[in-house]
Amino acid sequence: MKINVKQFIDCLPIMGKGFLGIFIILGIIIIATVFLNAVTKKGQKSVPVIVACLAALLAVVGAAVLYGFLR
């Protein structure tokens, strides 16, 4: 079996974008889970956690939209 190093190097940016997308989606899922836990908690609501989660979600979505427009 022959390994073509040039093709592997050419594929690295594509693989990097794929891994970045996976990490972004995982981050969104984690933030959404923390947000839903803070909102649906019985008793006292954790307002700072709710605000921080909403800000993080808006930042990620805004960055994704901006990236789409600039591309």
Protein backbone atom coordinates (compact mmCIF):
# COMPACT_ATOMS: atom_id res chain seq x y z
CA MET A 1 0.00 0.00 0.00
CA LYS A 2 1.35 3.39 -1.02
CA ILE A 3 0.61 6.53 0.99
CA ASN A 4 0.46 9.77 -0.95
CA VAL A 5 1.69 12.41 1.50
CA LYS A 6 0.79 15.35 -0.77
CA GLN A 7 -2.85 14.30 -0.94
CA PHE A 8 -2.90 13.84 2.84
CA ILE A 9 -1.52 17.35 3.36
CA ASP A 10 -4.08 18.73 0.88
CA CYS A 11 -6.91 17.08 2.85
CA LEU A 12 -5.91 18.51 6.25
CA PRO A 13 -7.84 21.82 5.86
CA ILE A 14 -10.99 19.91 4.91
CA MET A 15 -10.61 17.58 7.89
CA GLY A 16 -9.95 20.59 10.14
CA LYS A 17 -13.20 22.25 9.04
CA GLY A 18 -15.08 19.02 9.70
CA PHE A 19 -13.63 18.65 13.20
CA LEU A 20 -14.34 22.32 13.93
CA GLY A 21 -17.96 21.80 12.90
CA ILE A 22 -18.23 18.78 15.18
CA PHE A 23 -16.83 20.72 18.15
CA ILE A 24 -19.17 23.66 17.48
CA ILE A 25 -22.21 21.39 17.39
CA LEU A 26 -21.12 19.63 20.59
CA GLY A 27 -20.65 23.01 22.24
CA ILE A 28 -24.14 24.09 21.19
CA ILE A 29 -25.61 20.87 22.60
CA ILE A 30 -23.76 21.33 25.91
CA ILE A 31 -24.80 24.99 26.22
CA ALA A 32 -28.41 24.14 25.38
CA THR A 33 -28.43 21.37 27.98
CA VAL A 34 -27.07 23.67 30.69
CA PHE A 35 -29.60 26.32 29.65
CA LEU A 36 -32.53 23.90 29.83
CA ASN A 37 -31.36 22.60 33.23
CA ALA A 38 -31.16 26.17 34.56
CA VAL A 39 -34.59 27.09 33.20
CA THR A 40 -36.45 23.98 34.34
CA LYS A 41 -34.82 23.70 37.78
CA LYS A 42 -37.34 23.57 40.61
CA GLY A 43 -37.03 26.34 43.14
CA GLN A 44 -34.74 29.29 42.55
CA LYS A 45 -33.85 29.99 38.94
CA SER A 46 -30.21 30.66 38.17
CA VAL A 47 -30.49 33.91 36.22
CA PRO A 48 -26.73 34.42 35.61
CA VAL A 49 -26.45 30.92 34.10
CA ILE A 50 -29.48 31.54 31.89
CA VAL A 51 -28.10 34.87 30.66
CA ALA A 52 -24.62 33.41 30.07
CA CYS A 53 -26.06 30.47 28.09
CA LEU A 54 -28.23 32.74 25.96
CA ALA A 55 -25.26 35.01 25.27
CA ALA A 56 -23.08 32.04 24.31
CA LEU A 57 -25.76 30.60 22.01
CA LEU A 58 -26.27 33.97 20.33
CA ALA A 59 -22.52 34.41 19.89
CA VAL A 60 -22.11 30.97 18.30
CA VAL A 61 -25.08 31.39 15.99
CA GLY A 62 -23.97 34.92 15.08
CA ALA A 63 -20.46 33.72 14.31
CA ALA A 64 -21.84 30.91 12.13
CA VAL A 65 -24.07 33.33 10.20
CA LEU A 66 -21.23 35.83 9.81
CA TYR A 67 -18.92 33.08 8.59
CA GLY A 68 -21.56 32.07 6.05
CA PHE A 69 -21.87 35.63 4.74
CA LEU A 70 -18.13 36.25 4.56
CA ARG A 71 -17.37 33.00 2.79
